[in-house]
Amino acid sequence: MLLALLVVAGVDAWRTRDLPKGPAPDAAITLADGSSTTLSEWRARHPGRAVALHFWAEWCAICKLEEPTVASLSADWPVLGIAMQSGPAARVAQVQRQRGMPWPTAVDPQAELSRAWGVRSVPALVVVDARGDVRFATTGYTPGWGMRWRLWWAQAVPSLRTLVG
């Protein structure tokens, strides 16, 4: 059992080795609705909140399995999708409508934004706390409770630090 846990931990560490740590990188983004903003401006629309960046692709079967979970999550938490190598804005918007994906999504047709964030495989989840620091980053399927726990922890811990001193 211990060996299995060590193997899983080692594989996870290898998969996430290039994902960001510390201050969240900023970048100009184009959303599937055609509007433009930056990641920091998008985060600023959710003051005092932890946010989730969900990297996905139209062709990714595991991403498709996560879609209902991310849709549920987006009802309670700020979620920004990043559509890696999924085509232009019109195509991504069409996929979102067809699949019932209500969260805003940045278009990343050449995976430039994804590479800047160290994301090489999808799905990937990055949780940024209210101060703009990356708190959690993971790749592969993440269950809903895992997404919510990471967001809750990123939200709660900075708030507790403020209260304690």
N, C-alpha and C. Protein backbone atom coordinates (compact mmCIF):
# COMPACT_ATOMS: atom_id res chain seq x y z
N MET A 1 0.83 -1.19 0.00
CA MET A 1 0.00 0.00 0.00
C MET A 1 0.87 1.26 0.00
N LEU A 2 1.88 1.27 0.86
CA LEU A 2 2.79 2.41 0.93
C LEU A 2 3.51 2.61 -0.40
N LEU A 3 3.93 1.51 -1.01
CA LEU A 3 4.61 1.60 -2.30
C LEU A 3 3.68 2.21 -3.36
N ALA A 4 2.42 1.80 -3.36
CA ALA A 4 1.45 2.35 -4.32
C ALA A 4 1.27 3.85 -4.11
N LEU A 5 1.18 4.29 -2.86
CA LEU A 5 1.05 5.72 -2.56
C LEU A 5 2.28 6.50 -3.02
N LEU A 6 3.45 5.93 -2.81
CA LEU A 6 4.68 6.59 -3.25
C LEU A 6 4.74 6.70 -4.77
N VAL A 7 4.31 5.66 -5.46
CA VAL A 7 4.28 5.70 -6.93
C VAL A 7 3.32 6.77 -7.42
N VAL A 8 2.11 6.81 -6.85
CA VAL A 8 1.12 7.82 -7.24
C VAL A 8 1.66 9.22 -6.96
N ALA A 9 2.25 9.42 -5.80
CA ALA A 9 2.81 10.74 -5.46
C ALA A 9 3.94 11.12 -6.41
N GLY A 10 4.77 10.16 -6.77
CA GLY A 10 5.86 10.42 -7.70
C GLY A 10 5.37 10.78 -9.09
N VAL A 11 4.38 10.06 -9.57
CA VAL A 11 3.80 10.35 -10.89
C VAL A 11 3.16 11.73 -10.89
N ASP A 12 2.43 12.05 -9.83
CA ASP A 12 1.79 13.37 -9.75
C ASP A 12 2.83 14.48 -9.71
N ALA A 13 3.90 14.29 -8.95
CA ALA A 13 4.97 15.29 -8.89
C ALA A 13 5.60 15.49 -10.26
N TRP A 14 5.81 14.41 -11.01
CA TRP A 14 6.39 14.52 -12.35
C TRP A 14 5.43 15.26 -13.29
N ARG A 15 4.14 14.92 -13.25
CA ARG A 15 3.16 15.54 -14.15
C ARG A 15 3.00 17.03 -13.89
N THR A 16 3.18 17.45 -12.65
CA THR A 16 2.93 18.85 -12.30
C THR A 16 4.21 19.66 -12.12
N ARG A 17 5.34 19.11 -12.49
CA ARG A 17 6.63 19.77 -12.22
C ARG A 17 6.77 21.13 -12.89
N ASP A 18 6.15 21.35 -14.03
CA ASP A 18 6.27 22.63 -14.74
C ASP A 18 5.12 23.58 -14.47
N LEU A 19 4.13 23.14 -13.71
CA LEU A 19 3.00 24.02 -13.42
C LEU A 19 3.46 25.13 -12.48
N PRO A 20 2.81 26.29 -12.56
CA PRO A 20 3.30 27.46 -11.83
C PRO A 20 3.19 27.32 -10.32
N LYS A 21 4.07 28.04 -9.66
CA LYS A 21 4.04 28.19 -8.21
C LYS A 21 4.27 29.67 -7.94
N GLY A 22 3.81 30.15 -6.81
CA GLY A 22 4.00 31.57 -6.49
C GLY A 22 3.00 32.45 -7.21
N PRO A 23 3.38 33.69 -7.53
CA PRO A 23 2.45 34.61 -8.18
C PRO A 23 1.94 34.07 -9.52
N ALA A 24 0.65 34.20 -9.74
CA ALA A 24 0.04 33.70 -10.98
C ALA A 24 0.53 34.53 -12.16
N PRO A 25 0.98 33.89 -13.23
CA PRO A 25 1.39 34.63 -14.42
C PRO A 25 0.21 35.40 -15.01
N ASP A 26 0.48 36.54 -15.60
CA ASP A 26 -0.57 37.30 -16.27
C ASP A 26 -0.39 37.16 -17.77
N ALA A 27 -1.47 37.34 -18.51
CA ALA A 27 -1.41 37.28 -19.96
C ALA A 27 -2.67 37.90 -20.53
N ALA A 28 -2.55 38.43 -21.74
CA ALA A 28 -3.72 38.89 -22.47
C ALA A 28 -4.46 37.66 -22.98
N ILE A 29 -5.79 37.69 -22.88
CA ILE A 29 -6.59 36.55 -23.34
C ILE A 29 -7.76 37.04 -24.18
N THR A 30 -8.17 36.18 -25.11
CA THR A 30 -9.38 36.40 -25.88
C THR A 30 -10.37 35.33 -25.44
N LEU A 31 -11.56 35.76 -25.07
CA LEU A 31 -12.59 34.82 -24.63
C LEU A 31 -13.37 34.30 -25.83
N ALA A 32 -14.04 33.19 -25.64
CA ALA A 32 -14.81 32.57 -26.72
C ALA A 32 -15.93 33.48 -27.21
N ASP A 33 -16.38 34.43 -26.38
CA ASP A 33 -17.41 35.37 -26.83
C ASP A 33 -16.83 36.51 -27.67
N GLY A 34 -15.50 36.49 -27.88
CA GLY A 34 -14.84 37.49 -28.71
C GLY A 34 -14.25 38.66 -27.94
N SER A 35 -14.57 38.79 -26.66
CA SER A 35 -14.03 39.90 -25.87
C SER A 35 -12.58 39.61 -25.47
N SER A 36 -11.86 40.66 -25.12
CA SER A 36 -10.47 40.53 -24.70
C SER A 36 -10.30 41.09 -23.29
N THR A 37 -9.40 40.50 -22.55
CA THR A 37 -9.07 40.95 -21.20
C THR A 37 -7.70 40.39 -20.85
N THR A 38 -7.33 40.47 -19.60
CA THR A 38 -6.13 39.80 -19.11
C THR A 38 -6.54 38.89 -17.96
N LEU A 39 -5.68 37.95 -17.65
CA LEU A 39 -6.00 37.06 -16.52
C LEU A 39 -6.13 37.84 -15.22
N SER A 40 -5.28 38.84 -15.01
CA SER A 40 -5.38 39.62 -13.76
C SER A 40 -6.66 40.45 -13.73
N GLU A 41 -7.08 40.99 -14.87
CA GLU A 41 -8.36 41.73 -14.91
C GLU A 41 -9.52 40.79 -14.63
N TRP A 42 -9.48 39.58 -15.18
CA TRP A 42 -10.55 38.61 -14.93
C TRP A 42 -10.59 38.26 -13.44
N ARG A 43 -9.42 38.02 -12.84
CA ARG A 43 -9.38 37.70 -11.41
C ARG A 43 -9.90 38.87 -10.58
N ALA A 44 -9.61 40.11 -11.01
CA ALA A 44 -10.05 41.30 -10.26
C ALA A 44 -11.57 41.44 -10.24
N ARG A 45 -12.26 40.79 -11.15
CA ARG A 45 -13.73 40.80 -11.16
C ARG A 45 -14.30 39.94 -10.03
N HIS A 46 -13.44 39.23 -9.34
CA HIS A 46 -13.85 38.32 -8.25
C HIS A 46 -13.04 38.65 -7.00
N PRO A 47 -13.17 39.89 -6.49
CA PRO A 47 -12.33 40.30 -5.36
C PRO A 47 -12.56 39.44 -4.12
N GLY A 48 -11.46 39.11 -3.47
CA GLY A 48 -11.54 38.33 -2.24
C GLY A 48 -11.86 36.86 -2.44
N ARG A 49 -11.88 36.40 -3.69
CA ARG A 49 -12.25 35.01 -3.98
C ARG A 49 -11.08 34.24 -4.57
N ALA A 50 -10.99 32.98 -4.22
CA ALA A 50 -10.11 32.07 -4.93
C ALA A 50 -10.78 31.75 -6.26
N VAL A 51 -9.99 31.53 -7.29
CA VAL A 51 -10.54 31.23 -8.62
C VAL A 51 -9.89 29.96 -9.17
N ALA A 52 -10.62 29.31 -10.07
CA ALA A 52 -10.11 28.11 -10.73
C ALA A 52 -9.87 28.39 -12.20
N LEU A 53 -8.72 27.99 -12.69
CA LEU A 53 -8.44 27.99 -14.12
C LEU A 53 -8.49 26.53 -14.56
N HIS A 54 -9.39 26.24 -15.48
CA HIS A 54 -9.58 24.87 -15.93
C HIS A 54 -9.12 24.76 -17.38
N PHE A 55 -7.97 24.14 -17.59
CA PHE A 55 -7.43 23.94 -18.93
C PHE A 55 -8.07 22.68 -19.50
N TRP A 56 -8.64 22.79 -20.70
CA TRP A 56 -9.34 21.67 -21.31
C TRP A 56 -9.15 21.74 -22.83
N ALA A 57 -9.59 20.70 -23.51
CA ALA A 57 -9.55 20.68 -24.97
C ALA A 57 -10.80 19.99 -25.49
N GLU A 58 -11.25 20.45 -26.63
CA GLU A 58 -12.47 19.92 -27.25
C GLU A 58 -12.32 18.43 -27.56
N TRP A 59 -11.14 17.99 -27.89
CA TRP A 59 -10.88 16.61 -28.30
C TRP A 59 -10.53 15.69 -27.13
N CYS A 60 -10.48 16.20 -25.92
CA CYS A 60 -10.04 15.45 -24.74
C CYS A 60 -11.22 14.71 -24.09
N ALA A 61 -11.17 13.39 -24.10
CA ALA A 61 -12.26 12.58 -23.54
C ALA A 61 -12.40 12.78 -22.02
N ILE A 62 -11.29 12.88 -21.31
CA ILE A 62 -11.36 13.07 -19.86
C ILE A 62 -11.93 14.44 -19.53
N CYS A 63 -11.56 15.44 -20.34
CA CYS A 63 -12.13 16.79 -20.14
C CYS A 63 -13.64 16.74 -20.27
N LYS A 64 -14.12 15.98 -21.24
CA LYS A 64 -15.57 15.86 -21.45
C LYS A 64 -16.23 15.22 -20.22
N LEU A 65 -15.57 14.24 -19.61
CA LEU A 65 -16.10 13.63 -18.39
C LEU A 65 -16.17 14.63 -17.24
N GLU A 66 -15.24 15.58 -17.20
CA GLU A 66 -15.21 16.58 -16.13
C GLU A 66 -16.21 17.71 -16.33
N GLU A 67 -16.74 17.89 -17.53
CA GLU A 67 -17.58 19.05 -17.83
C GLU A 67 -18.75 19.23 -16.86
N PRO A 68 -19.53 18.19 -16.53
CA PRO A 68 -20.63 18.41 -15.57
C PRO A 68 -20.12 18.86 -14.20
N THR A 69 -18.98 18.35 -13.78
CA THR A 69 -18.40 18.74 -12.50
C THR A 69 -17.99 20.20 -12.53
N VAL A 70 -17.34 20.62 -13.62
CA VAL A 70 -16.90 22.02 -13.73
C VAL A 70 -18.11 22.94 -13.83
N ALA A 71 -19.17 22.50 -14.52
CA ALA A 71 -20.39 23.31 -14.61
C ALA A 71 -20.99 23.52 -13.22
N SER A 72 -21.04 22.48 -12.43
CA SER A 72 -21.54 22.59 -11.06
C SER A 72 -20.64 23.50 -10.22
N LEU A 73 -19.35 23.33 -10.37
CA LEU A 73 -18.39 24.15 -9.64
C LEU A 73 -18.55 25.63 -9.99
N SER A 74 -18.79 25.92 -11.27
CA SER A 74 -18.89 27.31 -11.72
C SER A 74 -20.12 28.02 -11.18
N ALA A 75 -21.08 27.27 -10.64
CA ALA A 75 -22.24 27.90 -10.01
C ALA A 75 -21.88 28.51 -8.65
N ASP A 76 -20.79 28.01 -8.03
CA ASP A 76 -20.41 28.45 -6.70
C ASP A 76 -19.07 29.19 -6.64
N TRP A 77 -18.21 28.95 -7.61
CA TRP A 77 -16.86 29.50 -7.61
C TRP A 77 -16.55 30.13 -8.96
N PRO A 78 -15.70 31.16 -8.99
CA PRO A 78 -15.28 31.71 -10.28
C PRO A 78 -14.40 30.70 -11.03
N VAL A 79 -14.80 30.35 -12.23
CA VAL A 79 -14.05 29.41 -13.07
C VAL A 79 -13.79 30.07 -14.41
N LEU A 80 -12.55 29.99 -14.86
CA LEU A 80 -12.20 30.42 -16.21
C LEU A 80 -11.65 29.21 -16.93
N GLY A 81 -12.31 28.81 -18.00
CA GLY A 81 -11.79 27.74 -18.83
C GLY A 81 -10.73 28.27 -19.76
N ILE A 82 -9.80 27.42 -20.12
CA ILE A 82 -8.80 27.75 -21.13
C ILE A 82 -8.80 26.60 -22.12
N ALA A 83 -9.33 26.89 -23.32
CA ALA A 83 -9.51 25.87 -24.36
C ALA A 83 -8.22 25.73 -25.16
N MET A 84 -7.45 24.72 -24.83
CA MET A 84 -6.16 24.48 -25.47
C MET A 84 -6.34 23.73 -26.78
N GLN A 85 -5.79 24.27 -27.85
CA GLN A 85 -5.77 23.62 -29.16
C GLN A 85 -7.16 23.12 -29.57
N SER A 86 -8.14 23.99 -29.40
CA SER A 86 -9.52 23.61 -29.71
C SER A 86 -10.13 24.47 -30.80
N GLY A 87 -9.30 25.25 -31.49
CA GLY A 87 -9.79 26.06 -32.60
C GLY A 87 -10.01 27.51 -32.23
N PRO A 88 -10.55 28.27 -33.18
CA PRO A 88 -10.79 29.70 -32.95
C PRO A 88 -11.97 29.93 -32.01
N ALA A 89 -12.18 31.19 -31.65
CA ALA A 89 -13.22 31.56 -30.69
C ALA A 89 -14.59 31.04 -31.10
N ALA A 90 -14.95 31.17 -32.37
CA ALA A 90 -16.28 30.73 -32.82
C ALA A 90 -16.47 29.23 -32.59
N ARG A 91 -15.43 28.44 -32.84
CA ARG A 91 -15.52 26.99 -32.64
C ARG A 91 -15.65 26.66 -31.15
N VAL A 92 -14.86 27.32 -30.32
CA VAL A 92 -14.92 27.06 -28.87
C VAL A 92 -16.30 27.46 -28.33
N ALA A 93 -16.82 28.60 -28.77
CA ALA A 93 -18.15 29.04 -28.33
C ALA A 93 -19.22 28.02 -28.74
N GLN A 94 -19.09 27.48 -29.95
CA GLN A 94 -20.04 26.47 -30.43
C GLN A 94 -19.97 25.21 -29.56
N VAL A 95 -18.77 24.76 -29.25
CA VAL A 95 -18.60 23.58 -28.39
C VAL A 95 -19.22 23.84 -27.02
N GLN A 96 -18.99 25.03 -26.47
CA GLN A 96 -19.55 25.35 -25.16
C GLN A 96 -21.08 25.34 -25.19
N ARG A 97 -21.66 25.90 -26.23
CA ARG A 97 -23.13 25.88 -26.34
C ARG A 97 -23.65 24.45 -26.47
N GLN A 98 -23.04 23.66 -27.33
CA GLN A 98 -23.49 22.29 -27.56
C GLN A 98 -23.37 21.43 -26.31
N ARG A 99 -22.34 21.65 -25.52
CA ARG A 99 -22.09 20.82 -24.34
C ARG A 99 -22.62 21.41 -23.05
N GLY A 100 -23.22 22.59 -23.11
CA GLY A 100 -23.76 23.20 -21.90
C GLY A 100 -22.68 23.60 -20.90
N MET A 101 -21.66 24.30 -21.39
CA MET A 101 -20.54 24.74 -20.56
C MET A 101 -20.72 26.23 -20.27
N PRO A 102 -21.29 26.60 -19.10
CA PRO A 102 -21.67 27.98 -18.84
C PRO A 102 -20.55 28.92 -18.42
N TRP A 103 -19.37 28.42 -18.11
CA TRP A 103 -18.30 29.28 -17.62
C TRP A 103 -17.57 29.96 -18.77
N PRO A 104 -16.99 31.16 -18.51
CA PRO A 104 -16.23 31.85 -19.56
C PRO A 104 -14.97 31.05 -19.90
N THR A 105 -14.57 31.14 -21.15
CA THR A 105 -13.41 30.37 -21.59
C THR A 105 -12.51 31.21 -22.48
N ALA A 106 -11.23 31.17 -22.16
CA ALA A 106 -10.21 31.81 -23.00
C ALA A 106 -9.84 30.84 -24.11
N VAL A 107 -9.58 31.40 -25.28
CA VAL A 107 -9.23 30.59 -26.45
C VAL A 107 -7.70 30.54 -26.56
N ASP A 108 -7.18 29.34 -26.67
CA ASP A 108 -5.73 29.12 -26.74
C ASP A 108 -5.41 28.18 -27.89
N PRO A 109 -5.65 28.62 -29.15
CA PRO A 109 -5.57 27.71 -30.29
C PRO A 109 -4.20 27.10 -30.53
N GLN A 110 -3.14 27.80 -30.20
CA GLN A 110 -1.78 27.28 -30.41
C GLN A 110 -1.12 26.81 -29.11
N ALA A 111 -1.87 26.77 -28.04
CA ALA A 111 -1.39 26.34 -26.71
C ALA A 111 -0.29 27.25 -26.16
N GLU A 112 -0.24 28.50 -26.63
CA GLU A 112 0.78 29.43 -26.12
C GLU A 112 0.54 29.79 -24.66
N LEU A 113 -0.71 30.08 -24.31
CA LEU A 113 -1.05 30.39 -22.92
C LEU A 113 -0.81 29.17 -22.03
N SER A 114 -1.23 28.02 -22.51
CA SER A 114 -1.04 26.78 -21.74
C SER A 114 0.44 26.54 -21.47
N ARG A 115 1.27 26.69 -22.50
CA ARG A 115 2.71 26.50 -22.31
C ARG A 115 3.28 27.50 -21.32
N ALA A 116 2.81 28.76 -21.39
CA ALA A 116 3.29 29.78 -20.45
C ALA A 116 2.96 29.40 -19.00
N TRP A 117 1.88 28.65 -18.82
CA TRP A 117 1.49 28.20 -17.49
C TRP A 117 2.09 26.83 -17.16
N GLY A 118 2.86 26.25 -18.07
CA GLY A 118 3.47 24.95 -17.83
C GLY A 118 2.53 23.79 -18.05
N VAL A 119 1.39 24.03 -18.67
CA VAL A 119 0.40 22.97 -18.91
C VAL A 119 0.74 22.27 -20.22
N ARG A 120 1.02 20.98 -20.13
CA ARG A 120 1.33 20.19 -21.33
C ARG A 120 0.28 19.14 -21.62
N SER A 121 -0.58 18.89 -20.64
CA SER A 121 -1.64 17.90 -20.85
C SER A 121 -2.92 18.41 -20.19
N VAL A 122 -4.02 17.95 -20.71
CA VAL A 122 -5.33 18.35 -20.19
C VAL A 122 -6.10 17.10 -19.78
N PRO A 123 -7.03 17.27 -18.86
CA PRO A 123 -7.38 18.49 -18.16
C PRO A 123 -6.33 18.86 -17.11
N ALA A 124 -6.31 20.15 -16.81
CA ALA A 124 -5.45 20.66 -15.73
C ALA A 124 -6.26 21.68 -14.95
N LEU A 125 -6.05 21.70 -13.67
CA LEU A 125 -6.74 22.64 -12.79
C LEU A 125 -5.69 23.43 -12.02
N VAL A 126 -5.81 24.76 -12.07
CA VAL A 126 -4.93 25.64 -11.30
C VAL A 126 -5.83 26.50 -10.43
N VAL A 127 -5.56 26.51 -9.13
CA VAL A 127 -6.32 27.33 -8.19
C VAL A 127 -5.44 28.49 -7.75
N VAL A 128 -5.98 29.70 -7.93
CA VAL A 128 -5.28 30.93 -7.57
C VAL A 128 -6.04 31.57 -6.41
N ASP A 129 -5.33 31.91 -5.34
CA ASP A 129 -6.00 32.50 -4.18
C ASP A 129 -6.31 33.98 -4.42
N ALA A 130 -6.97 34.60 -3.47
CA ALA A 130 -7.43 35.98 -3.61
C ALA A 130 -6.27 36.97 -3.74
N ARG A 131 -5.10 36.60 -3.26
CA ARG A 131 -3.93 37.48 -3.38
C ARG A 131 -3.23 37.34 -4.72
N GLY A 132 -3.65 36.36 -5.53
CA GLY A 132 -3.03 36.16 -6.84
C GLY A 132 -1.91 35.14 -6.85
N ASP A 133 -1.83 34.32 -5.81
CA ASP A 133 -0.80 33.28 -5.75
C ASP A 133 -1.40 31.93 -6.14
N VAL A 134 -0.63 31.16 -6.91
CA VAL A 134 -1.06 29.80 -7.26
C VAL A 134 -0.96 28.95 -6.01
N ARG A 135 -2.08 28.36 -5.63
CA ARG A 135 -2.11 27.53 -4.42
C ARG A 135 -2.07 26.04 -4.75
N PHE A 136 -2.74 25.66 -5.83
CA PHE A 136 -2.80 24.25 -6.23
C PHE A 136 -2.74 24.17 -7.75
N ALA A 137 -2.10 23.13 -8.24
CA ALA A 137 -2.08 22.87 -9.68
C ALA A 137 -2.00 21.36 -9.86
N THR A 138 -2.87 20.83 -10.69
CA THR A 138 -2.89 19.39 -10.91
C THR A 138 -3.32 19.10 -12.34
N THR A 139 -2.95 17.94 -12.83
CA THR A 139 -3.38 17.51 -14.16
C THR A 139 -4.12 16.19 -14.03
N GLY A 140 -4.87 15.86 -15.07
CA GLY A 140 -5.66 14.63 -15.05
C GLY A 140 -7.02 14.87 -14.43
N TYR A 141 -7.80 13.82 -14.37
CA TYR A 141 -9.15 13.92 -13.83
C TYR A 141 -9.11 14.32 -12.35
N THR A 142 -9.90 15.32 -12.01
CA THR A 142 -10.05 15.73 -10.61
C THR A 142 -11.53 15.65 -10.26
N PRO A 143 -11.90 14.87 -9.25
CA PRO A 143 -13.31 14.79 -8.87
C PRO A 143 -13.80 16.12 -8.31
N GLY A 144 -15.10 16.30 -8.31
CA GLY A 144 -15.70 17.54 -7.83
C GLY A 144 -15.28 17.89 -6.41
N TRP A 145 -15.25 16.90 -5.51
CA TRP A 145 -14.85 17.19 -4.14
C TRP A 145 -13.41 17.69 -4.09
N GLY A 146 -12.55 17.18 -4.97
CA GLY A 146 -11.15 17.62 -5.01
C GLY A 146 -11.02 19.06 -5.49
N MET A 147 -11.83 19.42 -6.49
CA MET A 147 -11.83 20.80 -6.98
C MET A 147 -12.32 21.74 -5.89
N ARG A 148 -13.45 21.37 -5.28
CA ARG A 148 -14.04 22.23 -4.24
C ARG A 148 -13.13 22.35 -3.03
N TRP A 149 -12.51 21.26 -2.62
CA TRP A 149 -11.61 21.31 -1.47
C TRP A 149 -10.46 22.26 -1.73
N ARG A 150 -9.85 22.17 -2.92
CA ARG A 150 -8.72 23.05 -3.25
C ARG A 150 -9.15 24.52 -3.23
N LEU A 151 -10.31 24.82 -3.80
CA LEU A 151 -10.79 26.20 -3.80
C LEU A 151 -11.10 26.66 -2.37
N TRP A 152 -11.78 25.82 -1.61
CA TRP A 152 -12.10 26.18 -0.23
C TRP A 152 -10.82 26.45 0.56
N TRP A 153 -9.84 25.57 0.44
CA TRP A 153 -8.59 25.73 1.19
C TRP A 153 -7.87 27.01 0.77
N ALA A 154 -7.82 27.28 -0.53
CA ALA A 154 -7.16 28.50 -1.02
C ALA A 154 -7.89 29.74 -0.53
N GLN A 155 -9.20 29.63 -0.36
CA GLN A 155 -10.00 30.75 0.15
C GLN A 155 -9.84 30.90 1.66
N ALA A 156 -9.86 29.79 2.38
CA ALA A 156 -9.89 29.83 3.84
C ALA A 156 -8.55 30.20 4.46
N VAL A 157 -7.47 29.65 3.97
CA VAL A 157 -6.18 29.84 4.63
C VAL A 157 -5.73 31.30 4.61
N PRO A 158 -5.76 32.02 3.48
CA PRO A 158 -5.38 33.44 3.56
C PRO A 158 -6.29 34.24 4.49
N SER A 159 -7.58 33.89 4.51
CA SER A 159 -8.52 34.59 5.40
C SER A 159 -8.17 34.33 6.85
N LEU A 160 -7.81 33.10 7.18
CA LEU A 160 -7.42 32.77 8.55
C LEU A 160 -6.14 33.50 8.94
N ARG A 161 -5.19 33.58 8.01
CA ARG A 161 -3.94 34.30 8.30
C ARG A 161 -4.22 35.76 8.62
N THR A 162 -5.17 36.35 7.91
CA THR A 162 -5.53 37.75 8.15
C THR A 162 -6.14 37.90 9.54
N LEU A 163 -7.00 36.96 9.93
CA LEU A 163 -7.64 37.03 11.25
C LEU A 163 -6.65 36.83 12.39
N VAL A 164 -5.74 35.87 12.19
CA VAL A 164 -4.81 35.51 13.25
C VAL A 164 -3.71 36.56 13.39
N GLY A 165 -3.33 37.14 12.29
CA GLY A 165 -2.39 38.18 12.50
C GLY A 165 -1.26 38.31 11.62
